[in-house]
Amino acid sequence: MDIEITERKHNPLLARTEVRFQLHHQGEKTPTRDQVREKLAAQMNSKKGLVVVDSMNSAFGRSTTRGYARVYDAQEALASNEPHYLLKRNKLEELKPKKVKKEAPPAAKGGAKKR
């Protein structure tokens, strides 16, 4: 599997680099999101845990896949900017804590108390 970065854009406000890429996987099946994250991290001199693959589209009958990913500078930026479903797809859901529902206060029975 060879990866070719076709477009690279640095976004300093969100502390990330946005990347469009093309994979060439001649004679192989379409690579997994995890394998793509590994290859992108190696090519961008980053850690695998800072790469989020947004989308990958394979062309029918061809051994090429195009995709879009974001490589963050820090884990804090990744956790605050990425939606939970993308973190789950990329197996990074432990970065974003789940929301805990607050319990409602107990309701008074029968209205106001009489004295």
PDB file of N, CA and C in Angstrom:
ATOM      1  N   MET A   1       0.849  -1.180   0.000  1.00  0.00           N
ATOM      2  CA  MET A   1       0.000   0.000   0.000  1.00  0.00           C
ATOM      3  C   MET A   1       0.893   1.241   0.000  1.00  0.00           C
ATOM      4  N   ASP A   2       0.669   2.086  -0.978  1.00  0.00           N
ATOM      5  CA  ASP A   2       1.377   3.366  -1.067  1.00  0.00           C
ATOM      6  C   ASP A   2       0.386   4.482  -0.817  1.00  0.00           C
ATOM      7  N   ILE A   3       0.835   5.501  -0.106  1.00  0.00           N
ATOM      8  CA  ILE A   3      -0.027   6.640   0.175  1.00  0.00           C
ATOM      9  C   ILE A   3       0.601   7.890  -0.430  1.00  0.00           C
ATOM     10  N   GLU A   4      -0.243   8.688  -1.091  1.00  0.00           N
ATOM     11  CA  GLU A   4       0.212   9.909  -1.734  1.00  0.00           C
ATOM     12  C   GLU A   4      -0.650  11.054  -1.208  1.00  0.00           C
ATOM     13  N   ILE A   5      -0.015  12.062  -0.632  1.00  0.00           N
ATOM     14  CA  ILE A   5      -0.750  13.218  -0.126  1.00  0.00           C
ATOM     15  C   ILE A   5      -0.938  14.182  -1.294  1.00  0.00           C
ATOM     16  N   THR A   6      -2.207  14.445  -1.638  1.00  0.00           N
ATOM     17  CA  THR A   6      -2.497  15.303  -2.780  1.00  0.00           C
ATOM     18  C   THR A   6      -2.711  16.758  -2.378  1.00  0.00           C
ATOM     19  N   GLU A   7      -3.135  16.983  -1.148  1.00  0.00           N
ATOM     20  CA  GLU A   7      -3.360  18.354  -0.677  1.00  0.00           C
ATOM     21  C   GLU A   7      -3.101  18.410   0.823  1.00  0.00           C
ATOM     22  N   ARG A   8      -2.419  19.460   1.248  1.00  0.00           N
ATOM     23  CA  ARG A   8      -2.096  19.630   2.671  1.00  0.00           C
ATOM     24  C   ARG A   8      -2.351  21.089   3.028  1.00  0.00           C
ATOM     25  N   LYS A   9      -3.123  21.306   4.097  1.00  0.00           N
ATOM     26  CA  LYS A   9      -3.461  22.665   4.526  1.00  0.00           C
ATOM     27  C   LYS A   9      -3.328  22.753   6.038  1.00  0.00           C
ATOM     28  N   HIS A  10      -2.515  23.671   6.523  1.00  0.00           N
ATOM     29  CA  HIS A  10      -2.350  23.837   7.967  1.00  0.00           C
ATOM     30  C   HIS A  10      -3.399  24.812   8.477  1.00  0.00           C
ATOM     31  N   ASN A  11      -4.080  24.446   9.553  1.00  0.00           N
ATOM     32  CA  ASN A  11      -5.114  25.268  10.168  1.00  0.00           C
ATOM     33  C   ASN A  11      -4.657  25.627  11.579  1.00  0.00           C
ATOM     34  N   PRO A  12      -4.012  26.782  11.765  1.00  0.00           N
ATOM     35  CA  PRO A  12      -3.460  27.122  13.081  1.00  0.00           C
ATOM     36  C   PRO A  12      -4.530  27.401  14.149  1.00  0.00           C
ATOM     37  N   LEU A  13      -5.716  27.851  13.754  1.00  0.00           N
ATOM     38  CA  LEU A  13      -6.763  28.138  14.742  1.00  0.00           C
ATOM     39  C   LEU A  13      -7.247  26.870  15.442  1.00  0.00           C
ATOM     40  N   LEU A  14      -7.293  25.763  14.710  1.00  0.00           N
ATOM     41  CA  LEU A  14      -7.738  24.498  15.297  1.00  0.00           C
ATOM     42  C   LEU A  14      -6.579  23.569  15.607  1.00  0.00           C
ATOM     43  N   ALA A  15      -5.362  24.049  15.432  1.00  0.00           N
ATOM     44  CA  ALA A  15      -4.131  23.292  15.741  1.00  0.00           C
ATOM     45  C   ALA A  15      -4.103  21.946  15.024  1.00  0.00           C
ATOM     46  N   ARG A  16      -4.322  21.985  13.700  1.00  0.00           N
ATOM     47  CA  ARG A  16      -4.319  20.744  12.938  1.00  0.00           C
ATOM     48  C   ARG A  16      -3.879  20.996  11.501  1.00  0.00           C
ATOM     49  N   THR A  17      -3.545  19.904  10.824  1.00  0.00           N
ATOM     50  CA  THR A  17      -3.242  19.923   9.400  1.00  0.00           C
ATOM     51  C   THR A  17      -4.281  19.053   8.711  1.00  0.00           C
ATOM     52  N   GLU A  18      -4.943  19.610   7.705  1.00  0.00           N
ATOM     53  CA  GLU A  18      -5.982  18.892   6.975  1.00  0.00           C
ATOM     54  C   GLU A  18      -5.349  18.313   5.717  1.00  0.00           C
ATOM     55  N   VAL A  19      -5.571  17.022   5.486  1.00  0.00           N
ATOM     56  CA  VAL A  19      -4.867  16.297   4.442  1.00  0.00           C
ATOM     57  C   VAL A  19      -5.856  15.550   3.549  1.00  0.00           C
ATOM     58  N   ARG A  20      -5.685  15.680   2.242  1.00  0.00           N
ATOM     59  CA  ARG A  20      -6.385  14.846   1.266  1.00  0.00           C
ATOM     60  C   ARG A  20      -5.341  13.886   0.714  1.00  0.00           C
ATOM     61  N   PHE A  21      -5.713  12.606   0.611  1.00  0.00           N
ATOM     62  CA  PHE A  21      -4.738  11.603   0.206  1.00  0.00           C
ATOM     63  C   PHE A  21      -5.333  10.624  -0.785  1.00  0.00           C
ATOM     64  N   GLN A  22      -4.435   9.895  -1.451  1.00  0.00           N
ATOM     65  CA  GLN A  22      -4.831   8.845  -2.377  1.00  0.00           C
ATOM     66  C   GLN A  22      -3.988   7.616  -2.073  1.00  0.00           C
ATOM     67  N   LEU A  23      -4.661   6.482  -1.896  1.00  0.00           N
ATOM     68  CA  LEU A  23      -3.998   5.210  -1.614  1.00  0.00           C
ATOM     69  C   LEU A  23      -3.948   4.368  -2.879  1.00  0.00           C
ATOM     70  N   HIS A  24      -2.847   3.710  -3.094  1.00  0.00           N
ATOM     71  CA  HIS A  24      -2.707   2.764  -4.197  1.00  0.00           C
ATOM     72  C   HIS A  24      -2.465   1.397  -3.566  1.00  0.00           C
ATOM     73  N   HIS A  25      -3.419   0.488  -3.732  1.00  0.00           N
ATOM     74  CA  HIS A  25      -3.308  -0.834  -3.108  1.00  0.00           C
ATOM     75  C   HIS A  25      -3.522  -1.909  -4.169  1.00  0.00           C
ATOM     76  N   GLN A  26      -2.571  -1.992  -5.093  1.00  0.00           N
ATOM     77  CA  GLN A  26      -2.639  -2.937  -6.212  1.00  0.00           C
ATOM     78  C   GLN A  26      -2.584  -4.377  -5.708  1.00  0.00           C
ATOM     79  N   GLY A  27      -3.580  -5.176  -6.058  1.00  0.00           N
ATOM     80  CA  GLY A  27      -3.615  -6.587  -5.691  1.00  0.00           C
ATOM     81  C   GLY A  27      -3.937  -6.845  -4.231  1.00  0.00           C
ATOM     82  N   GLU A  28      -4.338  -5.845  -3.494  1.00  0.00           N
ATOM     83  CA  GLU A  28      -4.680  -5.979  -2.080  1.00  0.00           C
ATOM     84  C   GLU A  28      -6.113  -5.503  -1.874  1.00  0.00           C
ATOM     85  N   LYS A  29      -6.680  -5.860  -0.731  1.00  0.00           N
ATOM     86  CA  LYS A  29      -8.001  -5.346  -0.401  1.00  0.00           C
ATOM     87  C   LYS A  29      -7.860  -3.899   0.096  1.00  0.00           C
ATOM     88  N   THR A  30      -8.980  -3.222   0.211  1.00  0.00           N
ATOM     89  CA  THR A  30      -8.968  -1.843   0.692  1.00  0.00           C
ATOM     90  C   THR A  30      -8.433  -1.822   2.121  1.00  0.00           C
ATOM     91  N   PRO A  31      -7.437  -0.981   2.397  1.00  0.00           N
ATOM     92  CA  PRO A  31      -6.851  -0.951   3.741  1.00  0.00           C
ATOM     93  C   PRO A  31      -7.849  -0.444   4.780  1.00  0.00           C
ATOM     94  N   THR A  32      -7.647  -0.872   6.010  1.00  0.00           N
ATOM     95  CA  THR A  32      -8.524  -0.440   7.106  1.00  0.00           C
ATOM     96  C   THR A  32      -8.177   0.983   7.515  1.00  0.00           C
ATOM     97  N   ARG A  33      -9.093   1.589   8.224  1.00  0.00           N
ATOM     98  CA  ARG A  33      -8.893   2.954   8.726  1.00  0.00           C
ATOM     99  C   ARG A  33      -7.663   3.002   9.642  1.00  0.00           C
ATOM    100  N   ASP A  34      -7.460   1.948  10.408  1.00  0.00           N
ATOM    101  CA  ASP A  34      -6.327   1.864  11.325  1.00  0.00           C
ATOM    102  C   ASP A  34      -4.998   1.834  10.563  1.00  0.00           C
ATOM    103  N   GLN A  35      -4.937   1.065   9.488  1.00  0.00           N
ATOM    104  CA  GLN A  35      -3.723   1.005   8.673  1.00  0.00           C
ATOM    105  C   GLN A  35      -3.427   2.347   8.020  1.00  0.00           C
ATOM    106  N   VAL A  36      -4.457   3.035   7.576  1.00  0.00           N
ATOM    107  CA  VAL A  36      -4.285   4.343   6.939  1.00  0.00           C
ATOM    108  C   VAL A  36      -3.775   5.355   7.957  1.00  0.00           C
ATOM    109  N   ARG A  37      -4.314   5.306   9.182  1.00  0.00           N
ATOM    110  CA  ARG A  37      -3.857   6.225  10.233  1.00  0.00           C
ATOM    111  C   ARG A  37      -2.376   6.015  10.518  1.00  0.00           C
ATOM    112  N   GLU A  38      -1.945   4.747  10.549  1.00  0.00           N
ATOM    113  CA  GLU A  38      -0.536   4.425  10.788  1.00  0.00           C
ATOM    114  C   GLU A  38       0.365   5.009   9.707  1.00  0.00           C
ATOM    115  N   LYS A  39      -0.021   4.791   8.447  1.00  0.00           N
ATOM    116  CA  LYS A  39       0.773   5.277   7.315  1.00  0.00           C
ATOM    117  C   LYS A  39       0.821   6.803   7.283  1.00  0.00           C
ATOM    118  N   LEU A  40      -0.318   7.456   7.524  1.00  0.00           N
ATOM    119  CA  LEU A  40      -0.355   8.918   7.530  1.00  0.00           C
ATOM    120  C   LEU A  40       0.494   9.491   8.654  1.00  0.00           C
ATOM    121  N   ALA A  41       0.422   8.880   9.825  1.00  0.00           N
ATOM    122  CA  ALA A  41       1.227   9.354  10.964  1.00  0.00           C
ATOM    123  C   ALA A  41       2.715   9.247  10.637  1.00  0.00           C
ATOM    124  N   ALA A  42       3.121   8.156  10.001  1.00  0.00           N
ATOM    125  CA  ALA A  42       4.529   7.990   9.641  1.00  0.00           C
ATOM    126  C   ALA A  42       4.953   9.024   8.608  1.00  0.00           C
ATOM    127  N   GLN A  43       4.092   9.298   7.648  1.00  0.00           N
ATOM    128  CA  GLN A  43       4.443  10.238   6.591  1.00  0.00           C
ATOM    129  C   GLN A  43       4.420  11.687   7.072  1.00  0.00           C
ATOM    130  N   MET A  44       3.569  12.000   8.040  1.00  0.00           N
ATOM    131  CA  MET A  44       3.450  13.371   8.546  1.00  0.00           C
ATOM    132  C   MET A  44       4.319  13.610   9.786  1.00  0.00           C
ATOM    133  N   ASN A  45       5.128  12.623  10.182  1.00  0.00           N
ATOM    134  CA  ASN A  45       5.979  12.712  11.377  1.00  0.00           C
ATOM    135  C   ASN A  45       5.158  13.051  12.613  1.00  0.00           C
ATOM    136  N   SER A  46       4.104  12.300  12.813  1.00  0.00           N
ATOM    137  CA  SER A  46       3.198  12.503  13.933  1.00  0.00           C
ATOM    138  C   SER A  46       2.953  11.164  14.615  1.00  0.00           C
ATOM    139  N   LYS A  47       2.099  11.183  15.632  1.00  0.00           N
ATOM    140  CA  LYS A  47       1.716   9.950  16.324  1.00  0.00           C
ATOM    141  C   LYS A  47       0.385   9.465  15.771  1.00  0.00           C
ATOM    142  N   LYS A  48       0.178   8.175  15.801  1.00  0.00           N
ATOM    143  CA  LYS A  48      -1.054   7.570  15.298  1.00  0.00           C
ATOM    144  C   LYS A  48      -2.277   8.085  16.070  1.00  0.00           C
ATOM    145  N   GLY A  49      -2.116   8.355  17.352  1.00  0.00           N
ATOM    146  CA  GLY A  49      -3.213   8.827  18.192  1.00  0.00           C
ATOM    147  C   GLY A  49      -3.665  10.240  17.890  1.00  0.00           C
ATOM    148  N   LEU A  50      -2.928  10.961  17.041  1.00  0.00           N
ATOM    149  CA  LEU A  50      -3.292  12.332  16.693  1.00  0.00           C
ATOM    150  C   LEU A  50      -3.890  12.440  15.296  1.00  0.00           C
ATOM    151  N   VAL A  51      -4.080  11.305  14.632  1.00  0.00           N
ATOM    152  CA  VAL A  51      -4.612  11.284  13.267  1.00  0.00           C
ATOM    153  C   VAL A  51      -6.055  10.782  13.296  1.00  0.00           C
ATOM    154  N   VAL A  52      -6.955  11.526  12.635  1.00  0.00           N
ATOM    155  CA  VAL A  52      -8.352  11.142  12.518  1.00  0.00           C
ATOM    156  C   VAL A  52      -8.686  11.060  11.031  1.00  0.00           C
ATOM    157  N   VAL A  53      -9.050   9.868  10.573  1.00  0.00           N
ATOM    158  CA  VAL A  53      -9.462   9.689   9.180  1.00  0.00           C
ATOM    159  C   VAL A  53     -10.953   9.988   9.106  1.00  0.00           C
ATOM    160  N   ASP A  54     -11.309  11.006   8.349  1.00  0.00           N
ATOM    161  CA  ASP A  54     -12.702  11.421   8.229  1.00  0.00           C
ATOM    162  C   ASP A  54     -13.444  10.540   7.241  1.00  0.00           C
ATOM    163  N   SER A  55     -12.898  10.393   6.029  1.00  0.00           N
ATOM    164  CA  SER A  55     -13.596   9.591   5.020  1.00  0.00           C
ATOM    165  C   SER A  55     -12.608   8.907   4.092  1.00  0.00           C
ATOM    166  N   MET A  56     -13.050   7.778   3.532  1.00  0.00           N
ATOM    167  CA  MET A  56     -12.281   7.039   2.534  1.00  0.00           C
ATOM    168  C   MET A  56     -13.267   6.509   1.506  1.00  0.00           C
ATOM    169  N   ASN A  57     -12.997   6.752   0.227  1.00  0.00           N
ATOM    170  CA  ASN A  57     -13.871   6.304  -0.847  1.00  0.00           C
ATOM    171  C   ASN A  57     -13.062   5.503  -1.850  1.00  0.00           C
ATOM    172  N   SER A  58     -13.456   4.253  -2.060  1.00  0.00           N
ATOM    173  CA  SER A  58     -12.779   3.389  -3.025  1.00  0.00           C
ATOM    174  C   SER A  58     -13.509   3.453  -4.358  1.00  0.00           C
ATOM    175  N   ALA A  59     -12.733   3.483  -5.432  1.00  0.00           N
ATOM    176  CA  ALA A  59     -13.310   3.477  -6.766  1.00  0.00           C
ATOM    177  C   ALA A  59     -13.593   2.033  -7.180  1.00  0.00           C
ATOM    178  N   PHE A  60     -14.760   1.784  -7.738  1.00  0.00           N
ATOM    179  CA  PHE A  60     -15.141   0.427  -8.137  1.00  0.00           C
ATOM    180  C   PHE A  60     -14.246  -0.050  -9.283  1.00  0.00           C
ATOM    181  N   GLY A  61     -13.707  -1.239  -9.138  1.00  0.00           N
ATOM    182  CA  GLY A  61     -12.887  -1.831 -10.183  1.00  0.00           C
ATOM    183  C   GLY A  61     -11.466  -1.319 -10.246  1.00  0.00           C
ATOM    184  N   ARG A  62     -11.116  -0.414  -9.374  1.00  0.00           N
ATOM    185  CA  ARG A  62      -9.765   0.140  -9.344  1.00  0.00           C
ATOM    186  C   ARG A  62      -9.152  -0.117  -7.978  1.00  0.00           C
ATOM    187  N   SER A  63      -7.863  -0.073  -7.939  1.00  0.00           N
ATOM    188  CA  SER A  63      -7.180  -0.297  -6.662  1.00  0.00           C
ATOM    189  C   SER A  63      -6.680   1.024  -6.091  1.00  0.00           C
ATOM    190  N   THR A  64      -7.564   2.036  -6.111  1.00  0.00           N
ATOM    191  CA  THR A  64      -7.234   3.332  -5.519  1.00  0.00           C
ATOM    192  C   THR A  64      -8.346   3.745  -4.567  1.00  0.00           C
ATOM    193  N   THR A  65      -7.951   4.427  -3.534  1.00  0.00           N
ATOM    194  CA  THR A  65      -8.882   4.949  -2.546  1.00  0.00           C
ATOM    195  C   THR A  65      -8.491   6.387  -2.253  1.00  0.00           C
ATOM    196  N   ARG A  66      -9.474   7.284  -2.281  1.00  0.00           N
ATOM    197  CA  ARG A  66      -9.237   8.688  -1.933  1.00  0.00           C
ATOM    198  C   ARG A  66      -9.813   8.937  -0.547  1.00  0.00           C
ATOM    199  N   GLY A  67      -9.189   9.855   0.173  1.00  0.00           N
ATOM    200  CA  GLY A  67      -9.684  10.101   1.517  1.00  0.00           C
ATOM    201  C   GLY A  67      -9.308  11.468   2.046  1.00  0.00           C
ATOM    202  N   TYR A  68      -9.838  11.755   3.234  1.00  0.00           N
ATOM    203  CA  TYR A  68      -9.620  13.029   3.909  1.00  0.00           C
ATOM    204  C   TYR A  68      -9.337  12.734   5.377  1.00  0.00           C
ATOM    205  N   ALA A  69      -8.293  13.355   5.909  1.00  0.00           N
ATOM    206  CA  ALA A  69      -7.919  13.128   7.307  1.00  0.00           C
ATOM    207  C   ALA A  69      -7.448  14.435   7.930  1.00  0.00           C
ATOM    208  N   ARG A  70      -7.407  14.436   9.262  1.00  0.00           N
ATOM    209  CA  ARG A  70      -6.901  15.593  10.011  1.00  0.00           C
ATOM    210  C   ARG A  70      -5.834  15.107  10.985  1.00  0.00           C
ATOM    211  N   VAL A  71      -4.706  15.797  10.980  1.00  0.00           N
ATOM    212  CA  VAL A  71      -3.592  15.464  11.871  1.00  0.00           C
ATOM    213  C   VAL A  71      -3.456  16.613  12.862  1.00  0.00           C
ATOM    214  N   TYR A  72      -3.669  16.319  14.135  1.00  0.00           N
ATOM    215  CA  TYR A  72      -3.658  17.350  15.175  1.00  0.00           C
ATOM    216  C   TYR A  72      -2.277  17.510  15.786  1.00  0.00           C
ATOM    217  N   ASP A  73      -2.044  18.701  16.356  1.00  0.00           N
ATOM    218  CA  ASP A  73      -0.782  18.992  17.033  1.00  0.00           C
ATOM    219  C   ASP A  73      -0.774  18.448  18.454  1.00  0.00           C
ATOM    220  N   ALA A  74      -1.947  18.398  19.093  1.00  0.00           N
ATOM    221  CA  ALA A  74      -2.045  17.941  20.486  1.00  0.00           C
ATOM    222  C   ALA A  74      -3.364  17.196  20.704  1.00  0.00           C
ATOM    223  N   GLN A  75      -3.370  16.327  21.712  1.00  0.00           N
ATOM    224  CA  GLN A  75      -4.574  15.546  22.019  1.00  0.00           C
ATOM    225  C   GLN A  75      -5.723  16.419  22.506  1.00  0.00           C
ATOM    226  N   GLU A  76      -5.423  17.502  23.200  1.00  0.00           N
ATOM    227  CA  GLU A  76      -6.467  18.395  23.708  1.00  0.00           C
ATOM    228  C   GLU A  76      -7.253  19.004  22.546  1.00  0.00           C
ATOM    229  N   ALA A  77      -6.546  19.414  21.497  1.00  0.00           N
ATOM    230  CA  ALA A  77      -7.210  19.989  20.320  1.00  0.00           C
ATOM    231  C   ALA A  77      -8.070  18.939  19.625  1.00  0.00           C
ATOM    232  N   LEU A  78      -7.586  17.730  19.545  1.00  0.00           N
ATOM    233  CA  LEU A  78      -8.335  16.637  18.915  1.00  0.00           C
ATOM    234  C   LEU A  78      -9.618  16.363  19.691  1.00  0.00           C
ATOM    235  N   ALA A  79      -9.524  16.258  20.999  1.00  0.00           N
ATOM    236  CA  ALA A  79     -10.685  15.934  21.831  1.00  0.00           C
ATOM    237  C   ALA A  79     -11.737  17.039  21.792  1.00  0.00           C
ATOM    238  N   SER A  80     -11.318  18.287  21.689  1.00  0.00           N
ATOM    239  CA  SER A  80     -12.288  19.380  21.727  1.00  0.00           C
ATOM    240  C   SER A  80     -12.913  19.672  20.363  1.00  0.00           C
ATOM    241  N   ASN A  81     -12.280  19.255  19.266  1.00  0.00           N
ATOM    242  CA  ASN A  81     -12.784  19.604  17.938  1.00  0.00           C
ATOM    243  C   ASN A  81     -13.494  18.482  17.192  1.00  0.00           C
ATOM    244  N   GLU A  82     -13.210  17.242  17.507  1.00  0.00           N
ATOM    245  CA  GLU A  82     -13.787  16.125  16.759  1.00  0.00           C
ATOM    246  C   GLU A  82     -15.084  15.635  17.391  1.00  0.00           C
ATOM    247  N   PRO A  83     -16.095  15.311  16.564  1.00  0.00           N
ATOM    248  CA  PRO A  83     -17.333  14.746  17.114  1.00  0.00           C
ATOM    249  C   PRO A  83     -17.102  13.320  17.619  1.00  0.00           C
ATOM    250  N   HIS A  84     -17.945  12.906  18.546  1.00  0.00           N
ATOM    251  CA  HIS A  84     -17.777  11.609  19.205  1.00  0.00           C
ATOM    252  C   HIS A  84     -17.826  10.443  18.213  1.00  0.00           C
ATOM    253  N   TYR A  85     -18.700  10.517  17.200  1.00  0.00           N
ATOM    254  CA  TYR A  85     -18.828   9.390  16.276  1.00  0.00           C
ATOM    255  C   TYR A  85     -17.552   9.168  15.469  1.00  0.00           C
ATOM    256  N   LEU A  86     -16.819  10.243  15.136  1.00  0.00           N
ATOM    257  CA  LEU A  86     -15.556  10.079  14.416  1.00  0.00           C
ATOM    258  C   LEU A  86     -14.474   9.524  15.323  1.00  0.00           C
ATOM    259  N   LEU A  87     -14.486   9.924  16.581  1.00  0.00           N
ATOM    260  CA  LEU A  87     -13.526   9.362  17.531  1.00  0.00           C
ATOM    261  C   LEU A  87     -13.783   7.866  17.704  1.00  0.00           C
ATOM    262  N   LYS A  88     -15.049   7.479  17.712  1.00  0.00           N
ATOM    263  CA  LYS A  88     -15.394   6.070  17.861  1.00  0.00           C
ATOM    264  C   LYS A  88     -14.960   5.265  16.642  1.00  0.00           C
ATOM    265  N   ARG A  89     -15.153   5.803  15.451  1.00  0.00           N
ATOM    266  CA  ARG A  89     -14.729   5.118  14.222  1.00  0.00           C
ATOM    267  C   ARG A  89     -13.220   4.917  14.169  1.00  0.00           C
ATOM    268  N   ASN A  90     -12.487   5.883  14.726  1.00  0.00           N
ATOM    269  CA  ASN A  90     -11.029   5.824  14.708  1.00  0.00           C
ATOM    270  C   ASN A  90     -10.454   5.198  15.964  1.00  0.00           C
ATOM    271  N   LYS A  91     -11.330   4.625  16.802  1.00  0.00           N
ATOM    272  CA  LYS A  91     -10.947   3.959  18.049  1.00  0.00           C
ATOM    273  C   LYS A  91     -10.208   4.901  18.996  1.00  0.00           C
ATOM    274  N   LEU A  92     -10.725   6.114  19.118  1.00  0.00           N
ATOM    275  CA  LEU A  92     -10.162   7.119  20.014  1.00  0.00           C
ATOM    276  C   LEU A  92     -11.212   7.629  20.998  1.00  0.00           C
ATOM    277  N   GLU A  93     -12.292   6.870  21.226  1.00  0.00           N
ATOM    278  CA  GLU A  93     -13.402   7.372  22.040  1.00  0.00           C
ATOM    279  C   GLU A  93     -13.039   7.636  23.491  1.00  0.00           C
ATOM    280  N   GLU A  94     -11.916   7.105  23.964  1.00  0.00           N
ATOM    281  CA  GLU A  94     -11.527   7.352  25.357  1.00  0.00           C
ATOM    282  C   GLU A  94     -11.073   8.791  25.571  1.00  0.00           C
ATOM    283  N   LEU A  95     -10.830   9.539  24.491  1.00  0.00           N
ATOM    284  CA  LEU A  95     -10.398  10.928  24.620  1.00  0.00           C
ATOM    285  C   LEU A  95     -11.529  11.859  25.027  1.00  0.00           C
ATOM    286  N   LYS A  96     -12.743  11.537  24.622  1.00  0.00           N
ATOM    287  CA  LYS A  96     -13.875  12.406  24.910  1.00  0.00           C
ATOM    288  C   LYS A  96     -14.764  11.738  25.943  1.00  0.00           C
ATOM    289  N   PRO A  97     -14.921  12.327  27.127  1.00  0.00           N
ATOM    290  CA  PRO A  97     -15.760  11.700  28.152  1.00  0.00           C
ATOM    291  C   PRO A  97     -17.229  11.725  27.754  1.00  0.00           C
ATOM    292  N   LYS A  98     -17.932  10.659  28.126  1.00  0.00           N
ATOM    293  CA  LYS A  98     -19.354  10.586  27.840  1.00  0.00           C
ATOM    294  C   LYS A  98     -20.103  11.509  28.785  1.00  0.00           C
ATOM    295  N   LYS A  99     -21.178  12.097  28.286  1.00  0.00           N
ATOM    296  CA  LYS A  99     -21.984  12.991  29.109  1.00  0.00           C
ATOM    297  C   LYS A  99     -22.810  12.166  30.089  1.00  0.00           C
ATOM    298  N   VAL A 100     -22.826  12.594  31.326  1.00  0.00           N
ATOM    299  CA  VAL A 100     -23.582  11.908  32.361  1.00  0.00           C
ATOM    300  C   VAL A 100     -24.860  12.699  32.614  1.00  0.00           C
ATOM    301  N   LYS A 101     -25.986  11.998  32.584  1.00  0.00           N
ATOM    302  CA  LYS A 101     -27.259  12.666  32.833  1.00  0.00           C
ATOM    303  C   LYS A 101     -27.383  12.986  34.314  1.00  0.00           C
ATOM    304  N   LYS A 102     -27.849  14.187  34.585  1.00  0.00           N
ATOM    305  CA  LYS A 102     -28.070  14.584  35.968  1.00  0.00           C
ATOM    306  C   LYS A 102     -29.437  14.081  36.406  1.00  0.00           C
ATOM    307  N   GLU A 103     -29.488  13.649  37.658  1.00  0.00           N
ATOM    308  CA  GLU A 103     -30.751  13.163  38.188  1.00  0.00           C
ATOM    309  C   GLU A 103     -31.653  14.338  38.553  1.00  0.00           C
ATOM    310  N   ALA A 104     -32.932  14.165  38.301  1.00  0.00           N
ATOM    311  CA  ALA A 104     -33.902  15.197  38.649  1.00  0.00           C
ATOM    312  C   ALA A 104     -34.150  15.144  40.154  1.00  0.00           C
ATOM    313  N   PRO A 105     -34.403  16.294  40.765  1.00  0.00           N
ATOM    314  CA  PRO A 105     -34.700  16.285  42.204  1.00  0.00           C
ATOM    315  C   PRO A 105     -36.006  15.534  42.454  1.00  0.00           C
ATOM    316  N   PRO A 106     -36.102  14.886  43.611  1.00  0.00           N
ATOM    317  CA  PRO A 106     -37.324  14.111  43.893  1.00  0.00           C
ATOM    318  C   PRO A 106     -38.544  15.032  43.943  1.00  0.00           C
ATOM    319  N   ALA A 107     -39.627  14.580  43.341  1.00  0.00           N
ATOM    320  CA  ALA A 107     -40.851  15.377  43.292  1.00  0.00           C
ATOM    321  C   ALA A 107     -41.606  15.225  44.617  1.00  0.00           C
ATOM    322  N   ALA A 108     -42.210  16.315  45.051  1.00  0.00           N
ATOM    323  CA  ALA A 108     -42.998  16.288  46.284  1.00  0.00           C
ATOM    324  C   ALA A 108     -44.325  15.599  46.003  1.00  0.00           C
ATOM    325  N   LYS A 109     -44.749  14.733  46.918  1.00  0.00           N
ATOM    326  CA  LYS A 109     -45.988  14.002  46.727  1.00  0.00           C
ATOM    327  C   LYS A 109     -47.150  14.791  47.337  1.00  0.00           C
ATOM    328  N   GLY A 110     -48.229  14.940  46.587  1.00  0.00           N
ATOM    329  CA  GLY A 110     -49.443  15.530  47.100  1.00  0.00           C
ATOM    330  C   GLY A 110     -49.377  17.051  47.255  1.00  0.00           C
ATOM    331  N   GLY A 111     -48.444  17.704  46.657  1.00  0.00           N
ATOM    332  CA  GLY A 111     -48.414  19.152  46.719  1.00  0.00           C
ATOM    333  C   GLY A 111     -47.708  19.644  47.969  1.00  0.00           C
ATOM    334  N   ALA A 112     -48.173  20.793  48.488  1.00  0.00           N
ATOM    335  CA  ALA A 112     -47.544  21.418  49.638  1.00  0.00           C
ATOM    336  C   ALA A 112     -47.943  20.700  50.928  1.00  0.00           C
ATOM    337  N   LYS A 113     -47.045  20.725  51.906  1.00  0.00           N
ATOM    338  CA  LYS A 113     -47.324  20.073  53.186  1.00  0.00           C
ATOM    339  C   LYS A 113     -48.202  20.986  54.057  1.00  0.00           C
ATOM    340  N   LYS A 114     -49.107  20.349  54.824  1.00  0.00           N
ATOM    341  CA  LYS A 114     -49.976  21.108  55.730  1.00  0.00           C
ATOM    342  C   LYS A 114     -49.401  21.021  57.125  1.00  0.00           C
ATOM    343  N   ARG A 115     -49.603  22.073  57.877  1.00  0.00           N
ATOM    344  CA  ARG A 115     -49.102  22.088  59.256  1.00  0.00           C
ATOM    345  C   ARG A 115     -50.182  22.118  60.254  1.00  0.00           C
TER     346      ARG A 115
END
